[in-house]
Amino acid sequence: MAWAKATVMWKYDLNQIWDSYGSQEKGFIFPNTVKLGGIAKQQTSVASYHIYKSDTTLGAGTVTPWGAINIYEVDFADYIKVDKLGNHTIY
């Protein structure tokens, strides 16, 4: 079992977004692994909407005599768009 969560909080009125920030959380049970690559506001963001990109790597590992290693990993990028009307879209 493994999971990753990206959250964007924002303050807005009907004219613009006043403030926003993003955060990430993760959880997993070995042999699964999760690495958070960060969440960042994109430069394409404007006063009426902000777009955040959340990077995550999911994998599965095994134990060796030299320590734990990942057998495979997959990178994911989620985009979260929030707007001045309080709507959000994830793509």
PDB file of N, CA and C in Angstrom:
ATOM      1  N   MET A   1       0.844  -1.161   0.000  1.00  0.00           N
ATOM      2  CA  MET A   1       0.000   0.000   0.000  1.00  0.00           C
ATOM      3  C   MET A   1       0.899   1.237   0.000  1.00  0.00           C
ATOM      4  N   ALA A   2       0.509   2.220  -0.816  1.00  0.00           N
ATOM      5  CA  ALA A   2       1.250   3.476  -0.886  1.00  0.00           C
ATOM      6  C   ALA A   2       0.295   4.578  -1.324  1.00  0.00           C
ATOM      7  N   TRP A   3       0.554   5.786  -0.835  1.00  0.00           N
ATOM      8  CA  TRP A   3      -0.268   6.927  -1.242  1.00  0.00           C
ATOM      9  C   TRP A   3       0.540   8.214  -1.169  1.00  0.00           C
ATOM     10  N   ALA A   4       0.108   9.183  -1.960  1.00  0.00           N
ATOM     11  CA  ALA A   4       0.677  10.527  -1.930  1.00  0.00           C
ATOM     12  C   ALA A   4      -0.472  11.512  -2.079  1.00  0.00           C
ATOM     13  N   LYS A   5      -0.374  12.629  -1.388  1.00  0.00           N
ATOM     14  CA  LYS A   5      -1.441  13.633  -1.408  1.00  0.00           C
ATOM     15  C   LYS A   5      -0.828  15.015  -1.618  1.00  0.00           C
ATOM     16  N   ALA A   6      -1.397  15.753  -2.576  1.00  0.00           N
ATOM     17  CA  ALA A   6      -1.001  17.142  -2.804  1.00  0.00           C
ATOM     18  C   ALA A   6      -2.180  18.029  -2.435  1.00  0.00           C
ATOM     19  N   THR A   7      -1.911  19.090  -1.684  1.00  0.00           N
ATOM     20  CA  THR A   7      -2.953  20.008  -1.239  1.00  0.00           C
ATOM     21  C   THR A   7      -2.563  21.431  -1.624  1.00  0.00           C
ATOM     22  N   VAL A   8      -3.534  22.176  -2.167  1.00  0.00           N
ATOM     23  CA  VAL A   8      -3.336  23.598  -2.455  1.00  0.00           C
ATOM     24  C   VAL A   8      -4.388  24.372  -1.675  1.00  0.00           C
ATOM     25  N   MET A   9      -3.940  25.330  -0.904  1.00  0.00           N
ATOM     26  CA  MET A   9      -4.830  26.225  -0.160  1.00  0.00           C
ATOM     27  C   MET A   9      -4.725  27.601  -0.800  1.00  0.00           C
ATOM     28  N   TRP A  10      -5.870  28.299  -0.910  1.00  0.00           N
ATOM     29  CA  TRP A  10      -5.823  29.628  -1.509  1.00  0.00           C
ATOM     30  C   TRP A  10      -6.883  30.535  -0.925  1.00  0.00           C
ATOM     31  N   LYS A  11      -6.544  31.833  -0.903  1.00  0.00           N
ATOM     32  CA  LYS A  11      -7.452  32.883  -0.456  1.00  0.00           C
ATOM     33  C   LYS A  11      -7.852  33.677  -1.688  1.00  0.00           C
ATOM     34  N   TYR A  12      -9.146  33.926  -1.827  1.00  0.00           N
ATOM     35  CA  TYR A  12      -9.633  34.539  -3.055  1.00  0.00           C
ATOM     36  C   TYR A  12     -10.890  35.368  -2.791  1.00  0.00           C
ATOM     37  N   ASP A  13     -11.214  36.213  -3.764  1.00  0.00           N
ATOM     38  CA  ASP A  13     -12.523  36.847  -3.830  1.00  0.00           C
ATOM     39  C   ASP A  13     -12.955  36.732  -5.296  1.00  0.00           C
ATOM     40  N   LEU A  14     -13.996  37.395  -5.701  1.00  0.00           N
ATOM     41  CA  LEU A  14     -14.464  37.252  -7.075  1.00  0.00           C
ATOM     42  C   LEU A  14     -13.562  37.945  -8.096  1.00  0.00           C
ATOM     43  N   ASN A  15     -12.579  38.718  -7.630  1.00  0.00           N
ATOM     44  CA  ASN A  15     -11.680  39.442  -8.536  1.00  0.00           C
ATOM     45  C   ASN A  15     -10.326  38.785  -8.739  1.00  0.00           C
ATOM     46  N   GLN A  16      -9.789  38.168  -7.683  1.00  0.00           N
ATOM     47  CA  GLN A  16      -8.440  37.605  -7.799  1.00  0.00           C
ATOM     48  C   GLN A  16      -8.147  36.636  -6.670  1.00  0.00           C
ATOM     49  N   ILE A  17      -7.030  35.936  -6.825  1.00  0.00           N
ATOM     50  CA  ILE A  17      -6.484  35.098  -5.759  1.00  0.00           C
ATOM     51  C   ILE A  17      -5.501  35.961  -4.990  1.00  0.00           C
ATOM     52  N   TRP A  18      -5.686  36.036  -3.688  1.00  0.00           N
ATOM     53  CA  TRP A  18      -4.826  36.871  -2.844  1.00  0.00           C
ATOM     54  C   TRP A  18      -3.561  36.144  -2.405  1.00  0.00           C
ATOM     55  N   ASP A  19      -3.682  34.853  -2.161  1.00  0.00           N
ATOM     56  CA  ASP A  19      -2.548  34.098  -1.640  1.00  0.00           C
ATOM     57  C   ASP A  19      -2.806  32.622  -1.900  1.00  0.00           C
ATOM     58  N   SER A  20      -1.743  31.839  -2.063  1.00  0.00           N
ATOM     59  CA  SER A  20      -1.896  30.393  -2.211  1.00  0.00           C
ATOM     60  C   SER A  20      -0.587  29.711  -1.824  1.00  0.00           C
ATOM     61  N   TYR A  21      -0.709  28.458  -1.431  1.00  0.00           N
ATOM     62  CA  TYR A  21       0.471  27.651  -1.148  1.00  0.00           C
ATOM     63  C   TYR A  21       0.105  26.176  -1.311  1.00  0.00           C
ATOM     64  N   GLY A  22       1.111  25.360  -1.543  1.00  0.00           N
ATOM     65  CA  GLY A  22       0.908  23.928  -1.717  1.00  0.00           C
ATOM     66  C   GLY A  22       1.707  23.124  -0.724  1.00  0.00           C
ATOM     67  N   SER A  23       1.224  21.906  -0.456  1.00  0.00           N
ATOM     68  CA  SER A  23       1.940  20.981   0.425  1.00  0.00           C
ATOM     69  C   SER A  23       1.726  19.554  -0.070  1.00  0.00           C
ATOM     70  N   GLN A  24       2.594  18.649   0.371  1.00  0.00           N
ATOM     71  CA  GLN A  24       2.515  17.239   0.005  1.00  0.00           C
ATOM     72  C   GLN A  24       2.616  16.372   1.253  1.00  0.00           C
ATOM     73  N   GLU A  25       1.973  15.205   1.184  1.00  0.00           N
ATOM     74  CA  GLU A  25       2.076  14.184   2.231  1.00  0.00           C
ATOM     75  C   GLU A  25       2.244  12.833   1.557  1.00  0.00           C
ATOM     76  N   LYS A  26       2.774  11.873   2.309  1.00  0.00           N
ATOM     77  CA  LYS A  26       2.940  10.528   1.757  1.00  0.00           C
ATOM     78  C   LYS A  26       2.788   9.487   2.850  1.00  0.00           C
ATOM     79  N   GLY A  27       2.580   8.265   2.410  1.00  0.00           N
ATOM     80  CA  GLY A  27       2.554   7.129   3.316  1.00  0.00           C
ATOM     81  C   GLY A  27       2.763   5.856   2.516  1.00  0.00           C
ATOM     82  N   PHE A  28       3.386   4.868   3.117  1.00  0.00           N
ATOM     83  CA  PHE A  28       3.593   3.602   2.423  1.00  0.00           C
ATOM     84  C   PHE A  28       3.940   2.504   3.418  1.00  0.00           C
ATOM     85  N   ILE A  29       3.723   1.289   2.988  1.00  0.00           N
ATOM     86  CA  ILE A  29       4.134   0.103   3.730  1.00  0.00           C
ATOM     87  C   ILE A  29       5.132  -0.640   2.855  1.00  0.00           C
ATOM     88  N   PHE A  30       6.325  -0.898   3.412  1.00  0.00           N
ATOM     89  CA  PHE A  30       7.377  -1.588   2.656  1.00  0.00           C
ATOM     90  C   PHE A  30       6.831  -2.928   2.170  1.00  0.00           C
ATOM     91  N   PRO A  31       7.049  -3.324   0.941  1.00  0.00           N
ATOM     92  CA  PRO A  31       8.130  -2.946   0.044  1.00  0.00           C
ATOM     93  C   PRO A  31       7.828  -1.740  -0.855  1.00  0.00           C
ATOM     94  N   ASN A  32       6.640  -1.168  -0.758  1.00  0.00           N
ATOM     95  CA  ASN A  32       6.324   0.019  -1.559  1.00  0.00           C
ATOM     96  C   ASN A  32       7.109   1.217  -1.044  1.00  0.00           C
ATOM     97  N   THR A  33       7.386   2.167  -1.941  1.00  0.00           N
ATOM     98  CA  THR A  33       8.099   3.385  -1.563  1.00  0.00           C
ATOM     99  C   THR A  33       7.431   4.592  -2.226  1.00  0.00           C
ATOM    100  N   VAL A  34       7.535   5.740  -1.580  1.00  0.00           N
ATOM    101  CA  VAL A  34       7.029   6.999  -2.127  1.00  0.00           C
ATOM    102  C   VAL A  34       8.075   8.075  -1.850  1.00  0.00           C
ATOM    103  N   LYS A  35       8.439   8.818  -2.883  1.00  0.00           N
ATOM    104  CA  LYS A  35       9.331   9.967  -2.735  1.00  0.00           C
ATOM    105  C   LYS A  35       8.583  11.196  -3.228  1.00  0.00           C
ATOM    106  N   LEU A  36       8.552  12.237  -2.412  1.00  0.00           N
ATOM    107  CA  LEU A  36       7.908  13.482  -2.800  1.00  0.00           C
ATOM    108  C   LEU A  36       8.932  14.365  -3.490  1.00  0.00           C
ATOM    109  N   GLY A  37       8.597  14.817  -4.687  1.00  0.00           N
ATOM    110  CA  GLY A  37       9.517  15.639  -5.466  1.00  0.00           C
ATOM    111  C   GLY A  37       9.276  17.131  -5.320  1.00  0.00           C
ATOM    112  N   GLY A  38       8.252  17.501  -4.546  1.00  0.00           N
ATOM    113  CA  GLY A  38       7.965  18.904  -4.315  1.00  0.00           C
ATOM    114  C   GLY A  38       6.720  19.372  -5.049  1.00  0.00           C
ATOM    115  N   ILE A  39       6.185  20.484  -4.582  1.00  0.00           N
ATOM    116  CA  ILE A  39       5.035  21.113  -5.215  1.00  0.00           C
ATOM    117  C   ILE A  39       5.381  22.589  -5.417  1.00  0.00           C
ATOM    118  N   ALA A  40       5.128  23.099  -6.614  1.00  0.00           N
ATOM    119  CA  ALA A  40       5.548  24.460  -6.931  1.00  0.00           C
ATOM    120  C   ALA A  40       4.505  25.168  -7.782  1.00  0.00           C
ATOM    121  N   LYS A  41       4.318  26.457  -7.498  1.00  0.00           N
ATOM    122  CA  LYS A  41       3.428  27.277  -8.319  1.00  0.00           C
ATOM    123  C   LYS A  41       4.105  27.527  -9.654  1.00  0.00           C
ATOM    124  N   GLN A  42       3.358  27.350 -10.723  1.00  0.00           N
ATOM    125  CA  GLN A  42       3.893  27.519 -12.070  1.00  0.00           C
ATOM    126  C   GLN A  42       3.915  28.991 -12.485  1.00  0.00           C
ATOM    127  N   GLN A  43       4.849  29.333 -13.347  1.00  0.00           N
ATOM    128  CA  GLN A  43       4.993  30.711 -13.805  1.00  0.00           C
ATOM    129  C   GLN A  43       3.805  31.170 -14.643  1.00  0.00           C
ATOM    130  N   THR A  44       3.008  30.227 -15.148  1.00  0.00           N
ATOM    131  CA  THR A  44       1.834  30.592 -15.944  1.00  0.00           C
ATOM    132  C   THR A  44       0.675  31.078 -15.077  1.00  0.00           C
ATOM    133  N   SER A  45       0.834  31.073 -13.766  1.00  0.00           N
ATOM    134  CA  SER A  45      -0.209  31.529 -12.854  1.00  0.00           C
ATOM    135  C   SER A  45      -0.420  33.032 -13.003  1.00  0.00           C
ATOM    136  N   VAL A  46      -1.676  33.461 -12.905  1.00  0.00           N
ATOM    137  CA  VAL A  46      -2.043  34.879 -13.005  1.00  0.00           C
ATOM    138  C   VAL A  46      -2.971  35.214 -11.835  1.00  0.00           C
ATOM    139  N   ALA A  47      -3.450  36.444 -11.762  1.00  0.00           N
ATOM    140  CA  ALA A  47      -4.284  36.881 -10.636  1.00  0.00           C
ATOM    141  C   ALA A  47      -5.593  36.096 -10.540  1.00  0.00           C
ATOM    142  N   SER A  48      -6.139  35.651 -11.675  1.00  0.00           N
ATOM    143  CA  SER A  48      -7.437  34.967 -11.649  1.00  0.00           C
ATOM    144  C   SER A  48      -7.333  33.464 -11.400  1.00  0.00           C
ATOM    145  N   TYR A  49      -6.163  32.861 -11.604  1.00  0.00           N
ATOM    146  CA  TYR A  49      -5.961  31.447 -11.287  1.00  0.00           C
ATOM    147  C   TYR A  49      -4.483  31.179 -11.011  1.00  0.00           C
ATOM    148  N   HIS A  50      -4.247  30.153 -10.204  1.00  0.00           N
ATOM    149  CA  HIS A  50      -2.894  29.671  -9.932  1.00  0.00           C
ATOM    150  C   HIS A  50      -2.842  28.202 -10.309  1.00  0.00           C
ATOM    151  N   ILE A  51      -1.720  27.782 -10.877  1.00  0.00           N
ATOM    152  CA  ILE A  51      -1.503  26.383 -11.233  1.00  0.00           C
ATOM    153  C   ILE A  51      -0.292  25.882 -10.461  1.00  0.00           C
ATOM    154  N   TYR A  52      -0.446  24.720  -9.822  1.00  0.00           N
ATOM    155  CA  TYR A  52       0.642  24.077  -9.091  1.00  0.00           C
ATOM    156  C   TYR A  52       0.975  22.738  -9.738  1.00  0.00           C
ATOM    157  N   LYS A  53       2.252  22.390  -9.744  1.00  0.00           N
ATOM    158  CA  LYS A  53       2.711  21.089 -10.213  1.00  0.00           C
ATOM    159  C   LYS A  53       3.252  20.314  -9.019  1.00  0.00           C
ATOM    160  N   SER A  54       2.747  19.092  -8.840  1.00  0.00           N
ATOM    161  CA  SER A  54       3.162  18.220  -7.744  1.00  0.00           C
ATOM    162  C   SER A  54       3.874  17.004  -8.326  1.00  0.00           C
ATOM    163  N   ASP A  55       5.153  16.807  -7.965  1.00  0.00           N
ATOM    164  CA  ASP A  55       5.942  15.680  -8.456  1.00  0.00           C
ATOM    165  C   ASP A  55       6.055  14.599  -7.384  1.00  0.00           C
ATOM    166  N   THR A  56       5.859  13.344  -7.819  1.00  0.00           N
ATOM    167  CA  THR A  56       5.904  12.192  -6.911  1.00  0.00           C
ATOM    168  C   THR A  56       6.542  11.014  -7.631  1.00  0.00           C
ATOM    169  N   THR A  57       7.289  10.198  -6.904  1.00  0.00           N
ATOM    170  CA  THR A  57       7.851   8.955  -7.430  1.00  0.00           C
ATOM    171  C   THR A  57       7.337   7.796  -6.584  1.00  0.00           C
ATOM    172  N   LEU A  58       6.692   6.831  -7.243  1.00  0.00           N
ATOM    173  CA  LEU A  58       6.211   5.619  -6.574  1.00  0.00           C
ATOM    174  C   LEU A  58       7.103   4.464  -6.998  1.00  0.00           C
ATOM    175  N   GLY A  59       7.360   3.538  -6.071  1.00  0.00           N
ATOM    176  CA  GLY A  59       8.211   2.412  -6.397  1.00  0.00           C
ATOM    177  C   GLY A  59       7.941   1.220  -5.507  1.00  0.00           C
ATOM    178  N   ALA A  60       8.701   0.178  -5.759  1.00  0.00           N
ATOM    179  CA  ALA A  60       8.655  -1.032  -4.927  1.00  0.00           C
ATOM    180  C   ALA A  60      10.081  -1.515  -4.740  1.00  0.00           C
ATOM    181  N   GLY A  61      10.370  -1.943  -3.541  1.00  0.00           N
ATOM    182  CA  GLY A  61      11.738  -2.327  -3.225  1.00  0.00           C
ATOM    183  C   GLY A  61      11.847  -3.734  -2.683  1.00  0.00           C
ATOM    184  N   THR A  62      13.057  -4.061  -2.308  1.00  0.00           N
ATOM    185  CA  THR A  62      13.356  -5.335  -1.674  1.00  0.00           C
ATOM    186  C   THR A  62      14.556  -5.131  -0.754  1.00  0.00           C
ATOM    187  N   VAL A  63      14.746  -6.069   0.124  1.00  0.00           N
ATOM    188  CA  VAL A  63      15.878  -6.024   1.049  1.00  0.00           C
ATOM    189  C   VAL A  63      17.004  -6.889   0.492  1.00  0.00           C
ATOM    190  N   THR A  64      18.222  -6.366   0.526  1.00  0.00           N
ATOM    191  CA  THR A  64      19.404  -7.112   0.117  1.00  0.00           C
ATOM    192  C   THR A  64      20.366  -7.153   1.303  1.00  0.00           C
ATOM    193  N   PRO A  65      21.421  -7.939   1.213  1.00  0.00           N
ATOM    194  CA  PRO A  65      22.420  -7.925   2.286  1.00  0.00           C
ATOM    195  C   PRO A  65      23.073  -6.560   2.472  1.00  0.00           C
ATOM    196  N   TRP A  66      22.988  -5.676   1.463  1.00  0.00           N
ATOM    197  CA  TRP A  66      23.609  -4.360   1.513  1.00  0.00           C
ATOM    198  C   TRP A  66      22.606  -3.259   1.862  1.00  0.00           C
ATOM    199  N   GLY A  67      21.376  -3.635   2.132  1.00  0.00           N
ATOM    200  CA  GLY A  67      20.331  -2.663   2.467  1.00  0.00           C
ATOM    201  C   GLY A  67      19.161  -2.750   1.502  1.00  0.00           C
ATOM    202  N   ALA A  68      18.187  -1.891   1.697  1.00  0.00           N
ATOM    203  CA  ALA A  68      17.001  -1.887   0.848  1.00  0.00           C
ATOM    204  C   ALA A  68      17.299  -1.180  -0.475  1.00  0.00           C
ATOM    205  N   ILE A  69      16.745  -1.714  -1.557  1.00  0.00           N
ATOM    206  CA  ILE A  69      16.870  -1.088  -2.877  1.00  0.00           C
ATOM    207  C   ILE A  69      15.497  -1.081  -3.546  1.00  0.00           C
ATOM    208  N   ASN A  70      15.313  -0.155  -4.468  1.00  0.00           N
ATOM    209  CA  ASN A  70      14.095  -0.132  -5.269  1.00  0.00           C
ATOM    210  C   ASN A  70      14.293  -0.989  -6.507  1.00  0.00           C
ATOM    211  N   ILE A  71      13.305  -1.841  -6.794  1.00  0.00           N
ATOM    212  CA  ILE A  71      13.334  -2.666  -7.999  1.00  0.00           C
ATOM    213  C   ILE A  71      12.851  -1.844  -9.192  1.00  0.00           C
ATOM    214  N   TYR A  72      11.834  -1.025  -8.963  1.00  0.00           N
ATOM    215  CA  TYR A  72      11.367  -0.126 -10.016  1.00  0.00           C
ATOM    216  C   TYR A  72      10.802   1.145  -9.410  1.00  0.00           C
ATOM    217  N   GLU A  73      10.755   2.197 -10.214  1.00  0.00           N
ATOM    218  CA  GLU A  73      10.176   3.474  -9.808  1.00  0.00           C
ATOM    219  C   GLU A  73       9.436   4.083 -10.996  1.00  0.00           C
ATOM    220  N   VAL A  74       8.364   4.816 -10.703  1.00  0.00           N
ATOM    221  CA  VAL A  74       7.589   5.524 -11.718  1.00  0.00           C
ATOM    222  C   VAL A  74       7.370   6.948 -11.233  1.00  0.00           C
ATOM    223  N   ASP A  75       7.667   7.926 -12.097  1.00  0.00           N
ATOM    224  CA  ASP A  75       7.470   9.337 -11.763  1.00  0.00           C
ATOM    225  C   ASP A  75       6.090   9.802 -12.220  1.00  0.00           C
ATOM    226  N   PHE A  76       5.428  10.600 -11.382  1.00  0.00           N
ATOM    227  CA  PHE A  76       4.134  11.178 -11.700  1.00  0.00           C
ATOM    228  C   PHE A  76       4.191  12.682 -11.501  1.00  0.00           C
ATOM    229  N   ALA A  77       3.426  13.407 -12.306  1.00  0.00           N
ATOM    230  CA  ALA A  77       3.252  14.845 -12.123  1.00  0.00           C
ATOM    231  C   ALA A  77       1.756  15.136 -12.184  1.00  0.00           C
ATOM    232  N   ASP A  78       1.238  15.752 -11.143  1.00  0.00           N
ATOM    233  CA  ASP A  78      -0.153  16.194 -11.115  1.00  0.00           C
ATOM    234  C   ASP A  78      -0.170  17.710 -11.165  1.00  0.00           C
ATOM    235  N   TYR A  79      -1.125  18.255 -11.894  1.00  0.00           N
ATOM    236  CA  TYR A  79      -1.312  19.699 -11.952  1.00  0.00           C
ATOM    237  C   TYR A  79      -2.624  20.048 -11.261  1.00  0.00           C
ATOM    238  N   ILE A  80      -2.582  21.061 -10.426  1.00  0.00           N
ATOM    239  CA  ILE A  80      -3.757  21.510  -9.672  1.00  0.00           C
ATOM    240  C   ILE A  80      -3.981  22.979 -10.008  1.00  0.00           C
ATOM    241  N   LYS A  81      -5.152  23.284 -10.551  1.00  0.00           N
ATOM    242  CA  LYS A  81      -5.497  24.659 -10.911  1.00  0.00           C
ATOM    243  C   LYS A  81      -6.596  25.141  -9.971  1.00  0.00           C
ATOM    244  N   VAL A  82      -6.373  26.286  -9.328  1.00  0.00           N
ATOM    245  CA  VAL A  82      -7.375  26.899  -8.449  1.00  0.00           C
ATOM    246  C   VAL A  82      -7.691  28.280  -9.008  1.00  0.00           C
ATOM    247  N   ASP A  83      -8.961  28.719  -8.840  1.00  0.00           N
ATOM    248  CA  ASP A  83      -9.318  30.008  -9.433  1.00  0.00           C
ATOM    249  C   ASP A  83      -9.986  30.951  -8.445  1.00  0.00           C
ATOM    250  N   LYS A  84     -10.246  32.158  -8.912  1.00  0.00           N
ATOM    251  CA  LYS A  84     -10.782  33.236  -8.082  1.00  0.00           C
ATOM    252  C   LYS A  84     -12.230  33.007  -7.662  1.00  0.00           C
ATOM    253  N   LEU A  85     -12.907  32.003  -8.227  1.00  0.00           N
ATOM    254  CA  LEU A  85     -14.286  31.686  -7.861  1.00  0.00           C
ATOM    255  C   LEU A  85     -14.351  30.550  -6.844  1.00  0.00           C
ATOM    256  N   GLY A  86     -13.196  30.012  -6.443  1.00  0.00           N
ATOM    257  CA  GLY A  86     -13.149  28.933  -5.466  1.00  0.00           C
ATOM    258  C   GLY A  86     -13.153  27.548  -6.080  1.00  0.00           C
ATOM    259  N   ASN A  87     -13.057  27.443  -7.395  1.00  0.00           N
ATOM    260  CA  ASN A  87     -13.050  26.146  -8.080  1.00  0.00           C
ATOM    261  C   ASN A  87     -11.635  25.578  -8.144  1.00  0.00           C
ATOM    262  N   HIS A  88     -11.556  24.252  -8.255  1.00  0.00           N
ATOM    263  CA  HIS A  88     -10.267  23.617  -8.468  1.00  0.00           C
ATOM    264  C   HIS A  88     -10.401  22.507  -9.505  1.00  0.00           C
ATOM    265  N   THR A  89      -9.325  22.264 -10.228  1.00  0.00           N
ATOM    266  CA  THR A  89      -9.263  21.213 -11.237  1.00  0.00           C
ATOM    267  C   THR A  89      -7.934  20.495 -11.074  1.00  0.00           C
ATOM    268  N   ILE A  90      -7.968  19.177 -11.156  1.00  0.00           N
ATOM    269  CA  ILE A  90      -6.745  18.365 -11.090  1.00  0.00           C
ATOM    270  C   ILE A  90      -6.591  17.654 -12.416  1.00  0.00           C
ATOM    271  N   TYR A  91      -5.424  17.764 -13.019  1.00  0.00           N
ATOM    272  CA  TYR A  91      -5.183  17.087 -14.281  1.00  0.00           C
ATOM    273  C   TYR A  91      -3.742  16.657 -14.374  1.00  0.00           C
TER     274      TYR A  91
END
